[in-house]
N, C-alpha and C. Protein backbone atom coordinates (compact mmCIF):
# COMPACT_ATOMS: atom_id res chain seq x y z
N MET A 1 69.43 -47.34 -178.77
CA MET A 1 69.03 -47.35 -180.18
C MET A 1 70.26 -47.12 -181.05
N ASN A 2 70.29 -47.79 -182.18
CA ASN A 2 71.38 -47.65 -183.13
C ASN A 2 71.52 -46.19 -183.55
N THR A 3 72.81 -45.71 -183.54
CA THR A 3 73.08 -44.30 -183.86
C THR A 3 72.62 -43.95 -185.26
N LYS A 4 72.85 -44.86 -186.21
CA LYS A 4 72.45 -44.59 -187.61
C LYS A 4 70.94 -44.45 -187.72
N ILE A 5 70.20 -45.30 -187.00
CA ILE A 5 68.74 -45.25 -187.04
C ILE A 5 68.23 -43.94 -186.43
N LEU A 6 68.89 -43.56 -185.30
CA LEU A 6 68.50 -42.31 -184.63
C LEU A 6 68.72 -41.11 -185.56
N SER A 7 69.87 -41.11 -186.23
CA SER A 7 70.18 -40.01 -187.16
C SER A 7 69.16 -39.95 -188.29
N LEU A 8 68.78 -41.13 -188.79
CA LEU A 8 67.82 -41.19 -189.89
C LEU A 8 66.47 -40.66 -189.46
N LEU A 9 66.05 -41.01 -188.22
CA LEU A 9 64.77 -40.52 -187.71
C LEU A 9 64.78 -39.01 -187.56
N LEU A 10 65.90 -38.46 -187.10
CA LEU A 10 66.01 -37.00 -186.94
C LEU A 10 65.91 -36.29 -188.29
N VAL A 11 66.59 -36.85 -189.29
CA VAL A 11 66.55 -36.27 -190.64
C VAL A 11 65.13 -36.29 -191.18
N LEU A 12 64.43 -37.41 -191.02
CA LEU A 12 63.06 -37.52 -191.49
C LEU A 12 62.14 -36.54 -190.77
N SER A 13 62.36 -36.40 -189.45
CA SER A 13 61.53 -35.49 -188.67
C SER A 13 61.70 -34.05 -189.13
N VAL A 14 62.95 -33.63 -189.32
CA VAL A 14 63.24 -32.27 -189.78
C VAL A 14 62.67 -32.05 -191.17
N GLY A 15 62.84 -33.06 -192.02
CA GLY A 15 62.34 -32.95 -193.39
C GLY A 15 60.84 -32.78 -193.43
N LEU A 16 60.11 -33.55 -192.61
CA LEU A 16 58.66 -33.44 -192.56
C LEU A 16 58.24 -32.08 -192.03
N SER A 17 59.00 -31.57 -191.05
CA SER A 17 58.70 -30.25 -190.48
C SER A 17 58.83 -29.16 -191.53
N PHE A 18 59.93 -29.17 -192.29
CA PHE A 18 60.14 -28.18 -193.35
C PHE A 18 59.07 -28.31 -194.42
N SER A 19 58.72 -29.54 -194.74
CA SER A 19 57.70 -29.78 -195.76
C SER A 19 56.37 -29.19 -195.34
N SER A 20 56.03 -29.38 -194.05
CA SER A 20 54.78 -28.83 -193.52
C SER A 20 54.78 -27.32 -193.58
N CYS A 21 55.92 -26.70 -193.22
CA CYS A 21 56.03 -25.25 -193.25
C CYS A 21 55.87 -24.72 -194.66
N ARG A 22 56.50 -25.42 -195.62
CA ARG A 22 56.41 -24.97 -197.02
C ARG A 22 54.97 -25.02 -197.50
N LYS A 23 54.23 -26.04 -197.09
CA LYS A 23 52.83 -26.16 -197.50
C LYS A 23 52.01 -25.03 -196.93
N GLU A 24 52.26 -24.65 -195.65
CA GLU A 24 51.52 -23.58 -195.01
C GLU A 24 51.81 -22.25 -195.69
N VAL A 25 53.07 -21.99 -196.01
CA VAL A 25 53.46 -20.75 -196.69
C VAL A 25 52.82 -20.69 -198.06
N LYS A 26 52.86 -21.81 -198.75
CA LYS A 26 52.29 -21.86 -200.10
C LYS A 26 50.80 -21.60 -200.05
N LYS A 27 50.11 -22.16 -199.05
CA LYS A 27 48.67 -21.98 -198.92
C LYS A 27 48.33 -20.52 -198.65
N ALA A 28 49.07 -19.86 -197.77
CA ALA A 28 48.82 -18.46 -197.44
C ALA A 28 49.05 -17.57 -198.65
N ALA A 29 50.08 -17.83 -199.42
CA ALA A 29 50.41 -17.01 -200.57
C ALA A 29 49.42 -17.20 -201.71
N ALA A 30 48.66 -18.30 -201.68
CA ALA A 30 47.77 -18.62 -202.78
C ALA A 30 46.42 -17.91 -202.68
N ILE A 31 46.13 -17.22 -201.56
CA ILE A 31 44.85 -16.53 -201.43
C ILE A 31 44.78 -15.37 -202.42
N GLN A 32 43.76 -15.39 -203.26
CA GLN A 32 43.60 -14.36 -204.29
C GLN A 32 42.23 -13.72 -204.16
N TYR A 33 42.16 -12.42 -204.45
CA TYR A 33 40.93 -11.66 -204.30
C TYR A 33 40.42 -11.18 -205.66
N THR A 34 39.10 -11.23 -205.81
CA THR A 34 38.45 -10.75 -207.03
C THR A 34 37.16 -10.05 -206.63
N ILE A 35 36.86 -8.92 -207.27
CA ILE A 35 35.60 -8.26 -206.99
C ILE A 35 34.47 -9.09 -207.59
N GLU A 36 33.39 -9.23 -206.83
CA GLU A 36 32.31 -10.13 -207.22
C GLU A 36 31.00 -9.32 -207.36
N PRO A 37 30.45 -9.22 -208.56
CA PRO A 37 29.21 -8.45 -208.76
C PRO A 37 28.06 -8.90 -207.86
N LYS A 38 27.96 -10.21 -207.62
CA LYS A 38 26.84 -10.74 -206.84
C LYS A 38 26.90 -10.32 -205.37
N THR A 39 28.08 -9.96 -204.89
CA THR A 39 28.22 -9.52 -203.50
C THR A 39 28.62 -8.05 -203.43
N THR A 40 28.22 -7.30 -204.46
CA THR A 40 28.45 -5.86 -204.50
C THR A 40 27.10 -5.15 -204.54
N THR A 41 26.87 -4.25 -203.60
CA THR A 41 25.59 -3.53 -203.52
C THR A 41 25.84 -2.03 -203.64
N ILE A 42 25.09 -1.39 -204.54
CA ILE A 42 25.19 0.05 -204.72
C ILE A 42 23.92 0.69 -204.16
N ASN A 43 24.06 1.33 -203.01
CA ASN A 43 22.94 2.01 -202.34
C ASN A 43 22.95 3.49 -202.69
N TRP A 44 21.78 4.08 -202.85
CA TRP A 44 21.71 5.52 -203.11
C TRP A 44 20.62 6.16 -202.24
N THR A 45 20.83 7.43 -201.92
CA THR A 45 19.84 8.21 -201.19
C THR A 45 19.67 9.54 -201.89
N ALA A 46 18.47 9.74 -202.45
CA ALA A 46 18.12 11.01 -203.09
C ALA A 46 17.23 11.79 -202.12
N TYR A 47 16.89 13.05 -202.48
CA TYR A 47 16.13 13.89 -201.56
C TYR A 47 15.02 14.66 -202.28
N LYS A 48 13.91 14.80 -201.56
CA LYS A 48 12.76 15.54 -202.10
C LYS A 48 12.22 16.51 -201.05
N THR A 49 11.41 17.46 -201.48
CA THR A 49 10.80 18.54 -200.67
C THR A 49 11.88 19.48 -200.13
N THR A 50 11.46 20.66 -199.74
CA THR A 50 12.42 21.64 -199.20
C THR A 50 12.97 21.19 -197.85
N ASP A 51 12.29 20.25 -197.19
CA ASP A 51 12.79 19.69 -195.93
C ASP A 51 13.85 18.61 -196.16
N LYS A 52 14.11 18.32 -197.42
CA LYS A 52 15.11 17.34 -197.82
C LYS A 52 14.83 15.95 -197.22
N VAL A 53 13.67 15.44 -197.55
CA VAL A 53 13.26 14.10 -197.10
C VAL A 53 13.99 13.05 -197.94
N PRO A 54 14.66 12.09 -197.30
CA PRO A 54 15.42 11.09 -198.05
C PRO A 54 14.53 10.05 -198.74
N VAL A 55 14.96 9.65 -199.93
CA VAL A 55 14.36 8.54 -200.67
C VAL A 55 15.49 7.58 -200.97
N LYS A 56 15.37 6.34 -200.46
CA LYS A 56 16.49 5.41 -200.57
C LYS A 56 16.19 4.28 -201.54
N GLY A 57 17.26 3.72 -202.10
CA GLY A 57 17.11 2.59 -203.00
C GLY A 57 18.45 1.97 -203.33
N VAL A 58 18.42 1.01 -204.23
CA VAL A 58 19.64 0.32 -204.68
C VAL A 58 19.54 0.12 -206.18
N PHE A 59 20.65 -0.29 -206.78
CA PHE A 59 20.65 -0.84 -208.13
C PHE A 59 20.81 -2.34 -207.99
N ASN A 60 19.87 -3.09 -208.56
CA ASN A 60 19.91 -4.54 -208.39
C ASN A 60 21.02 -5.22 -209.19
N THR A 61 21.54 -4.51 -210.20
CA THR A 61 22.55 -5.13 -211.08
C THR A 61 23.75 -4.21 -211.23
N VAL A 62 24.94 -4.78 -211.10
CA VAL A 62 26.18 -4.10 -211.45
C VAL A 62 27.03 -5.08 -212.24
N ASN A 63 27.50 -4.66 -213.40
CA ASN A 63 28.33 -5.50 -214.25
C ASN A 63 29.77 -5.03 -214.18
N ILE A 64 30.68 -5.94 -213.88
CA ILE A 64 32.11 -5.62 -213.88
C ILE A 64 32.65 -5.95 -215.26
N ILE A 65 33.18 -4.95 -215.94
CA ILE A 65 33.61 -5.13 -217.32
C ILE A 65 34.83 -6.05 -217.42
N LYS A 66 35.76 -5.86 -216.50
CA LYS A 66 36.96 -6.70 -216.49
C LYS A 66 37.46 -6.83 -215.07
N THR A 67 37.50 -8.06 -214.55
CA THR A 67 37.96 -8.27 -213.17
C THR A 67 39.47 -8.48 -213.12
N THR A 68 40.03 -8.22 -211.94
CA THR A 68 41.44 -8.47 -211.68
C THR A 68 41.55 -9.43 -210.50
N THR A 69 42.32 -10.50 -210.67
CA THR A 69 42.55 -11.45 -209.58
C THR A 69 43.96 -11.24 -209.05
N THR A 70 44.06 -10.95 -207.76
CA THR A 70 45.34 -10.58 -207.18
C THR A 70 45.37 -10.93 -205.69
N THR A 71 46.57 -11.03 -205.13
CA THR A 71 46.71 -11.30 -203.70
C THR A 71 46.50 -10.04 -202.86
N ASN A 72 46.35 -8.89 -203.51
CA ASN A 72 46.17 -7.61 -202.82
C ASN A 72 44.73 -7.12 -203.02
N PRO A 73 43.91 -7.04 -201.95
CA PRO A 73 42.53 -6.58 -202.09
C PRO A 73 42.42 -5.20 -202.74
N PHE A 74 43.37 -4.31 -202.45
CA PHE A 74 43.38 -2.97 -203.03
C PHE A 74 43.44 -3.07 -204.56
N GLU A 75 44.33 -3.91 -205.06
CA GLU A 75 44.49 -4.05 -206.50
C GLU A 75 43.29 -4.74 -207.15
N ALA A 76 42.55 -5.52 -206.36
CA ALA A 76 41.36 -6.19 -206.89
C ALA A 76 40.25 -5.19 -207.20
N VAL A 77 40.32 -4.02 -206.55
CA VAL A 77 39.29 -2.99 -206.74
C VAL A 77 39.78 -1.85 -207.62
N ASN A 78 41.02 -1.46 -207.45
CA ASN A 78 41.57 -0.31 -208.15
C ASN A 78 41.56 -0.51 -209.67
N GLN A 79 41.13 0.53 -210.38
CA GLN A 79 41.09 0.56 -211.85
C GLN A 79 40.02 -0.36 -212.46
N ILE A 80 39.13 -0.87 -211.61
CA ILE A 80 38.03 -1.69 -212.12
C ILE A 80 37.04 -0.81 -212.88
N GLU A 81 36.54 -1.31 -214.00
CA GLU A 81 35.50 -0.63 -214.78
C GLU A 81 34.19 -1.38 -214.60
N PHE A 82 33.11 -0.62 -214.51
CA PHE A 82 31.80 -1.24 -214.27
C PHE A 82 30.71 -0.55 -215.08
N SER A 83 29.58 -1.21 -215.16
CA SER A 83 28.42 -0.67 -215.87
C SER A 83 27.16 -1.04 -215.08
N ILE A 84 26.29 -0.05 -214.86
CA ILE A 84 25.06 -0.26 -214.08
C ILE A 84 23.86 0.00 -214.98
N PRO A 85 23.05 -1.01 -215.28
CA PRO A 85 21.82 -0.78 -216.05
C PRO A 85 20.83 0.05 -215.23
N VAL A 86 20.39 1.19 -215.76
CA VAL A 86 19.52 2.06 -214.98
C VAL A 86 18.15 1.42 -214.74
N ASN A 87 17.77 0.47 -215.59
CA ASN A 87 16.47 -0.18 -215.37
C ASN A 87 16.50 -1.20 -214.23
N SER A 88 17.67 -1.33 -213.58
CA SER A 88 17.76 -2.20 -212.40
C SER A 88 17.56 -1.42 -211.11
N ILE A 89 17.15 -0.15 -211.23
CA ILE A 89 16.96 0.68 -210.05
C ILE A 89 15.79 0.13 -209.23
N ASN A 90 15.94 0.19 -207.90
CA ASN A 90 14.93 -0.39 -207.01
C ASN A 90 14.78 0.48 -205.77
N SER A 91 13.66 1.20 -205.70
CA SER A 91 13.37 2.04 -204.53
C SER A 91 12.24 1.44 -203.70
N LYS A 92 11.91 0.18 -203.99
CA LYS A 92 10.81 -0.53 -203.32
C LYS A 92 9.46 0.12 -203.61
N ASN A 93 9.38 0.78 -204.76
CA ASN A 93 8.12 1.39 -205.21
C ASN A 93 8.13 1.35 -206.74
N GLU A 94 7.34 0.44 -207.32
CA GLU A 94 7.39 0.23 -208.77
C GLU A 94 7.00 1.48 -209.55
N GLY A 95 6.03 2.22 -209.05
CA GLY A 95 5.61 3.46 -209.72
C GLY A 95 6.73 4.48 -209.75
N ARG A 96 7.41 4.64 -208.62
CA ARG A 96 8.54 5.57 -208.55
C ARG A 96 9.68 5.12 -209.45
N ASP A 97 9.96 3.81 -209.44
CA ASP A 97 11.04 3.28 -210.28
C ASP A 97 10.78 3.56 -211.75
N ALA A 98 9.53 3.41 -212.19
CA ALA A 98 9.18 3.68 -213.59
C ALA A 98 9.43 5.14 -213.94
N LYS A 99 9.11 6.04 -213.02
CA LYS A 99 9.35 7.48 -213.25
C LYS A 99 10.84 7.79 -213.31
N LEU A 100 11.61 7.14 -212.44
CA LEU A 100 13.06 7.35 -212.47
C LEU A 100 13.66 6.86 -213.78
N ILE A 101 13.21 5.70 -214.24
CA ILE A 101 13.75 5.13 -215.49
C ILE A 101 13.32 5.95 -216.69
N ASN A 102 12.02 6.26 -216.77
CA ASN A 102 11.48 6.91 -217.98
C ASN A 102 11.66 8.42 -218.00
N SER A 103 11.41 9.08 -216.88
CA SER A 103 11.47 10.55 -216.87
C SER A 103 12.85 11.09 -216.51
N PHE A 104 13.50 10.48 -215.50
CA PHE A 104 14.81 10.99 -215.09
C PHE A 104 15.90 10.51 -216.05
N PHE A 105 16.19 9.21 -216.04
CA PHE A 105 17.23 8.69 -216.94
C PHE A 105 16.81 8.80 -218.40
N GLY A 106 15.50 8.72 -218.65
CA GLY A 106 15.01 8.82 -220.02
C GLY A 106 15.19 10.20 -220.63
N SER A 107 15.41 11.21 -219.79
CA SER A 107 15.65 12.57 -220.28
C SER A 107 17.13 12.83 -220.54
N MET A 108 17.96 11.85 -220.23
CA MET A 108 19.41 12.00 -220.43
C MET A 108 19.84 11.44 -221.78
N THR A 109 21.04 11.83 -222.17
CA THR A 109 21.64 11.34 -223.41
C THR A 109 22.35 10.02 -223.17
N ASP A 110 21.99 8.99 -223.94
CA ASP A 110 22.72 7.71 -223.94
C ASP A 110 22.99 7.20 -222.52
N THR A 111 21.91 7.05 -221.73
CA THR A 111 22.11 6.62 -220.35
C THR A 111 21.25 5.40 -220.03
N LYS A 112 21.34 4.38 -220.85
CA LYS A 112 20.75 3.09 -220.49
C LYS A 112 21.60 2.44 -219.40
N ASN A 113 22.89 2.84 -219.39
CA ASN A 113 23.81 2.35 -218.37
C ASN A 113 24.62 3.51 -217.81
N ILE A 114 24.89 3.45 -216.51
CA ILE A 114 25.84 4.36 -215.89
C ILE A 114 27.18 3.63 -215.87
N LYS A 115 28.20 4.25 -216.43
CA LYS A 115 29.50 3.58 -216.51
C LYS A 115 30.51 4.27 -215.60
N GLY A 116 31.48 3.51 -215.12
CA GLY A 116 32.47 4.11 -214.23
C GLY A 116 33.78 3.35 -214.20
N LYS A 117 34.81 4.05 -213.75
CA LYS A 117 36.12 3.45 -213.54
C LYS A 117 36.66 3.95 -212.21
N ILE A 118 37.07 3.01 -211.34
CA ILE A 118 37.51 3.32 -209.99
C ILE A 118 39.01 3.62 -209.97
N ASP A 119 39.37 4.73 -209.34
CA ASP A 119 40.79 5.10 -209.17
C ASP A 119 41.03 5.38 -207.69
N LEU A 120 41.55 4.38 -206.98
CA LEU A 120 41.79 4.53 -205.55
C LEU A 120 43.11 5.25 -205.31
N GLY A 121 43.07 6.27 -204.49
CA GLY A 121 44.29 6.97 -204.12
C GLY A 121 44.76 6.52 -202.75
N GLU A 122 45.56 7.36 -202.10
CA GLU A 122 46.09 7.04 -200.78
C GLU A 122 45.19 7.63 -199.70
N ASN A 123 45.41 7.16 -198.47
CA ASN A 123 44.71 7.70 -197.30
C ASN A 123 43.20 7.57 -197.39
N GLY A 124 42.73 6.51 -198.04
CA GLY A 124 41.29 6.24 -198.08
C GLY A 124 40.49 7.17 -198.96
N LYS A 125 41.15 7.84 -199.91
CA LYS A 125 40.44 8.74 -200.82
C LYS A 125 40.72 8.35 -202.27
N GLY A 126 39.81 8.71 -203.15
CA GLY A 126 40.00 8.39 -204.56
C GLY A 126 38.92 9.05 -205.40
N ASN A 127 38.78 8.58 -206.64
CA ASN A 127 37.78 9.10 -207.56
C ASN A 127 37.19 7.97 -208.36
N VAL A 128 35.95 8.18 -208.80
CA VAL A 128 35.35 7.29 -209.78
C VAL A 128 34.96 8.13 -210.97
N ALA A 129 35.50 7.79 -212.13
CA ALA A 129 35.14 8.51 -213.36
C ALA A 129 33.79 7.97 -213.82
N ILE A 130 32.73 8.78 -213.63
CA ILE A 130 31.36 8.38 -213.96
C ILE A 130 30.97 8.95 -215.31
N THR A 131 30.45 8.08 -216.18
CA THR A 131 29.92 8.52 -217.47
C THR A 131 28.40 8.39 -217.43
N MET A 132 27.74 9.54 -217.57
CA MET A 132 26.28 9.60 -217.52
C MET A 132 25.83 10.84 -218.28
N ASN A 133 24.72 10.76 -218.99
CA ASN A 133 24.20 11.89 -219.75
C ASN A 133 25.21 12.40 -220.78
N GLY A 134 26.02 11.47 -221.29
CA GLY A 134 27.01 11.83 -222.31
C GLY A 134 28.21 12.58 -221.78
N ILE A 135 28.35 12.61 -220.45
CA ILE A 135 29.43 13.36 -219.80
C ILE A 135 30.21 12.43 -218.87
N THR A 136 31.54 12.54 -218.90
CA THR A 136 32.39 11.82 -217.95
C THR A 136 32.99 12.83 -216.98
N ALA A 137 32.72 12.63 -215.70
CA ALA A 137 33.24 13.54 -214.66
C ALA A 137 33.65 12.72 -213.46
N ASN A 138 34.60 13.25 -212.68
CA ASN A 138 35.09 12.54 -211.50
C ASN A 138 34.16 12.72 -210.31
N LEU A 139 33.91 11.60 -209.63
CA LEU A 139 33.15 11.60 -208.39
C LEU A 139 34.12 11.28 -207.25
N PRO A 140 34.43 12.27 -206.38
CA PRO A 140 35.33 12.00 -205.25
C PRO A 140 34.70 11.00 -204.29
N ILE A 141 35.51 10.06 -203.80
CA ILE A 141 35.02 9.04 -202.88
C ILE A 141 35.96 8.91 -201.67
N THR A 142 35.42 8.35 -200.61
CA THR A 142 36.24 7.84 -199.51
C THR A 142 36.01 6.34 -199.46
N TYR A 143 37.03 5.59 -199.01
CA TYR A 143 36.89 4.14 -199.00
C TYR A 143 37.66 3.51 -197.85
N THR A 144 37.21 2.31 -197.48
CA THR A 144 37.93 1.48 -196.52
C THR A 144 37.99 0.06 -197.07
N ILE A 145 39.10 -0.61 -196.82
CA ILE A 145 39.26 -2.01 -197.21
C ILE A 145 39.73 -2.77 -195.97
N SER A 146 38.94 -3.74 -195.55
CA SER A 146 39.29 -4.56 -194.39
C SER A 146 39.11 -6.02 -194.77
N GLY A 147 40.22 -6.66 -195.12
CA GLY A 147 40.13 -8.04 -195.60
C GLY A 147 39.35 -8.11 -196.89
N GLN A 148 38.25 -8.86 -196.87
CA GLN A 148 37.42 -8.99 -198.06
C GLN A 148 36.37 -7.89 -198.18
N LEU A 149 36.18 -7.11 -197.13
CA LEU A 149 35.13 -6.09 -197.12
C LEU A 149 35.64 -4.75 -197.64
N VAL A 150 34.94 -4.24 -198.66
CA VAL A 150 35.27 -2.93 -199.24
C VAL A 150 34.04 -2.04 -199.14
N GLU A 151 34.23 -0.81 -198.64
CA GLU A 151 33.12 0.15 -198.57
C GLU A 151 33.55 1.48 -199.17
N MET A 152 32.65 2.10 -199.91
CA MET A 152 32.92 3.40 -200.53
C MET A 152 31.74 4.33 -200.29
N ASP A 153 32.05 5.61 -200.09
CA ASP A 153 31.01 6.62 -199.89
C ASP A 153 31.30 7.83 -200.76
N ALA A 154 30.22 8.45 -201.24
CA ALA A 154 30.36 9.64 -202.07
C ALA A 154 29.07 10.43 -202.05
N THR A 155 29.19 11.72 -202.35
CA THR A 155 28.01 12.56 -202.58
C THR A 155 28.09 13.06 -204.01
N MET A 156 27.11 12.66 -204.79
CA MET A 156 27.09 12.96 -206.22
C MET A 156 26.27 14.23 -206.47
N ASN A 157 26.89 15.24 -207.04
CA ASN A 157 26.18 16.46 -207.44
C ASN A 157 25.80 16.31 -208.91
N LEU A 158 24.52 16.12 -209.17
CA LEU A 158 24.06 15.85 -210.54
C LEU A 158 24.31 17.01 -211.49
N ASP A 159 24.56 18.20 -210.94
CA ASP A 159 24.88 19.35 -211.81
C ASP A 159 26.16 19.11 -212.60
N ASN A 160 27.07 18.30 -212.04
CA ASN A 160 28.33 18.00 -212.73
C ASN A 160 28.10 17.15 -213.99
N TRP A 161 26.91 16.57 -214.10
CA TRP A 161 26.57 15.79 -215.29
C TRP A 161 25.44 16.48 -216.08
N LYS A 162 25.29 17.79 -215.82
CA LYS A 162 24.30 18.63 -216.52
C LYS A 162 22.92 17.96 -216.55
N ALA A 163 22.47 17.56 -215.36
CA ALA A 163 21.24 16.77 -215.25
C ALA A 163 20.01 17.61 -214.89
N LYS A 164 20.07 18.93 -215.06
CA LYS A 164 18.94 19.78 -214.67
C LYS A 164 17.66 19.41 -215.40
N LEU A 165 17.76 19.16 -216.71
CA LEU A 165 16.57 18.79 -217.47
C LEU A 165 15.96 17.49 -216.94
N ALA A 166 16.83 16.54 -216.57
CA ALA A 166 16.36 15.26 -216.03
C ALA A 166 15.70 15.46 -214.66
N ILE A 167 16.29 16.33 -213.83
CA ILE A 167 15.72 16.61 -212.51
C ILE A 167 14.36 17.30 -212.67
N ASP A 168 14.29 18.26 -213.58
CA ASP A 168 13.03 18.97 -213.82
C ASP A 168 11.95 18.01 -214.34
N ALA A 169 12.34 17.09 -215.22
CA ALA A 169 11.39 16.12 -215.77
C ALA A 169 10.85 15.21 -214.66
N LEU A 170 11.74 14.79 -213.77
CA LEU A 170 11.32 13.94 -212.65
C LEU A 170 10.42 14.72 -211.70
N ASN A 171 10.79 15.96 -211.42
CA ASN A 171 10.00 16.77 -210.49
C ASN A 171 8.61 17.05 -211.04
N LYS A 172 8.52 17.12 -212.37
CA LYS A 172 7.22 17.37 -213.00
C LYS A 172 6.27 16.19 -212.80
N VAL A 173 6.76 14.97 -213.01
CA VAL A 173 5.88 13.79 -212.88
C VAL A 173 5.68 13.40 -211.41
N CYS A 174 6.54 13.96 -210.53
CA CYS A 174 6.41 13.68 -209.09
C CYS A 174 6.01 14.93 -208.33
N ASN A 175 5.36 15.87 -209.01
CA ASN A 175 5.09 17.18 -208.44
C ASN A 175 4.43 17.12 -207.07
N GLU A 176 3.35 16.37 -206.95
CA GLU A 176 2.63 16.30 -205.69
C GLU A 176 3.42 15.55 -204.62
N LYS A 177 4.08 14.49 -205.04
CA LYS A 177 4.86 13.67 -204.10
C LYS A 177 6.06 14.43 -203.54
N HIS A 178 6.54 15.43 -204.29
CA HIS A 178 7.73 16.16 -203.89
C HIS A 178 7.41 17.50 -203.23
N LYS A 179 6.12 17.70 -202.89
CA LYS A 179 5.72 18.92 -202.19
C LYS A 179 5.86 18.73 -200.69
N GLY A 180 6.41 19.75 -200.04
CA GLY A 180 6.52 19.73 -198.59
C GLY A 180 5.37 20.49 -197.95
N LYS A 181 5.51 20.79 -196.67
CA LYS A 181 4.48 21.53 -195.94
C LYS A 181 4.30 22.94 -196.49
N ASP A 182 5.35 23.46 -197.12
CA ASP A 182 5.28 24.81 -197.67
C ASP A 182 4.62 24.86 -199.04
N GLY A 183 4.25 23.67 -199.56
CA GLY A 183 3.59 23.63 -200.86
C GLY A 183 4.53 23.70 -202.05
N ILE A 184 5.84 23.75 -201.78
CA ILE A 184 6.84 23.83 -202.85
C ILE A 184 7.30 22.43 -203.22
N SER A 185 7.30 22.15 -204.52
CA SER A 185 7.77 20.85 -205.01
C SER A 185 9.25 20.97 -205.37
N LYS A 186 10.07 20.09 -204.80
CA LYS A 186 11.51 20.20 -205.03
C LYS A 186 12.16 18.83 -205.10
N THR A 187 13.08 18.68 -206.07
CA THR A 187 13.94 17.51 -206.17
C THR A 187 15.37 18.01 -206.09
N TRP A 188 16.15 17.46 -205.16
CA TRP A 188 17.50 17.94 -204.93
C TRP A 188 18.47 17.35 -205.94
N SER A 189 19.56 18.06 -206.17
CA SER A 189 20.54 17.61 -207.17
C SER A 189 21.66 16.77 -206.57
N ASP A 190 21.69 16.63 -205.23
CA ASP A 190 22.73 15.80 -204.61
C ASP A 190 22.17 14.44 -204.21
N VAL A 191 22.97 13.42 -204.46
CA VAL A 191 22.59 12.03 -204.16
C VAL A 191 23.75 11.38 -203.42
N ASN A 192 23.46 10.80 -202.27
CA ASN A 192 24.51 10.09 -201.52
C ASN A 192 24.62 8.65 -202.02
N ILE A 193 25.85 8.19 -202.16
CA ILE A 193 26.12 6.85 -202.65
C ILE A 193 26.90 6.07 -201.59
N HIS A 194 26.48 4.85 -201.34
CA HIS A 194 27.21 3.96 -200.42
C HIS A 194 27.33 2.59 -201.08
N ILE A 195 28.57 2.19 -201.32
CA ILE A 195 28.83 0.92 -202.01
C ILE A 195 29.48 -0.06 -201.04
N VAL A 196 28.97 -1.26 -201.01
CA VAL A 196 29.54 -2.32 -200.19
C VAL A 196 29.85 -3.51 -201.09
N SER A 197 31.09 -3.99 -201.02
CA SER A 197 31.49 -5.14 -201.83
C SER A 197 32.25 -6.13 -200.96
N TYR A 198 31.86 -7.37 -201.05
CA TYR A 198 32.56 -8.44 -200.32
C TYR A 198 33.34 -9.25 -201.35
N LEU A 199 34.67 -9.06 -201.35
CA LEU A 199 35.51 -9.67 -202.37
C LEU A 199 35.50 -11.20 -202.29
N LYS A 200 35.58 -11.81 -203.43
CA LYS A 200 35.71 -13.27 -203.48
C LYS A 200 37.16 -13.63 -203.18
N ALA A 201 37.36 -14.56 -202.24
CA ALA A 201 38.71 -15.01 -201.87
C ALA A 201 38.83 -16.48 -202.19
N GLN A 202 39.95 -16.84 -202.85
CA GLN A 202 40.14 -18.25 -203.19
C GLN A 202 41.62 -18.61 -203.21
């Protein structure tokens, strides 16, 4: 084969190889993550009776006030602000949901929405600044991020949001339902929170 032709083929081959590599690198670098409300679930577990019987539910709606699109999943979640309409609460019991909306949240100040801002720290720990009942207080959280999957856990002490009147109002309308074998009606002030979010990748 002619030497010039052979040289030309080698140059073309190397050029195509580099071009292919550049395309692969460009494609990998272009993956961006954004938190997606539709794939974010906020689960809660409250407790009743002196035996601390769990009552579980979710909020059907979470609104992200301002999203961040970034190549780093951590940054896609960190410093995000959100708002949860309390009337989207869902415990799979319409009667209970009505009592939670009207008697519990209805006894609070300016709480049609629970608002929050996420502040992720190091080593899987952080805080969420929760605004509820006219009070903003930090809720300590633990979190894990694995690719597009983000999970957060927390135990919310409602006393930090001065929610005693709201708890008492709920316990009053749920008096019989919240009685245990000892005949004592009780609604606990701690609520466990578990958040699962599957980030949008594009």
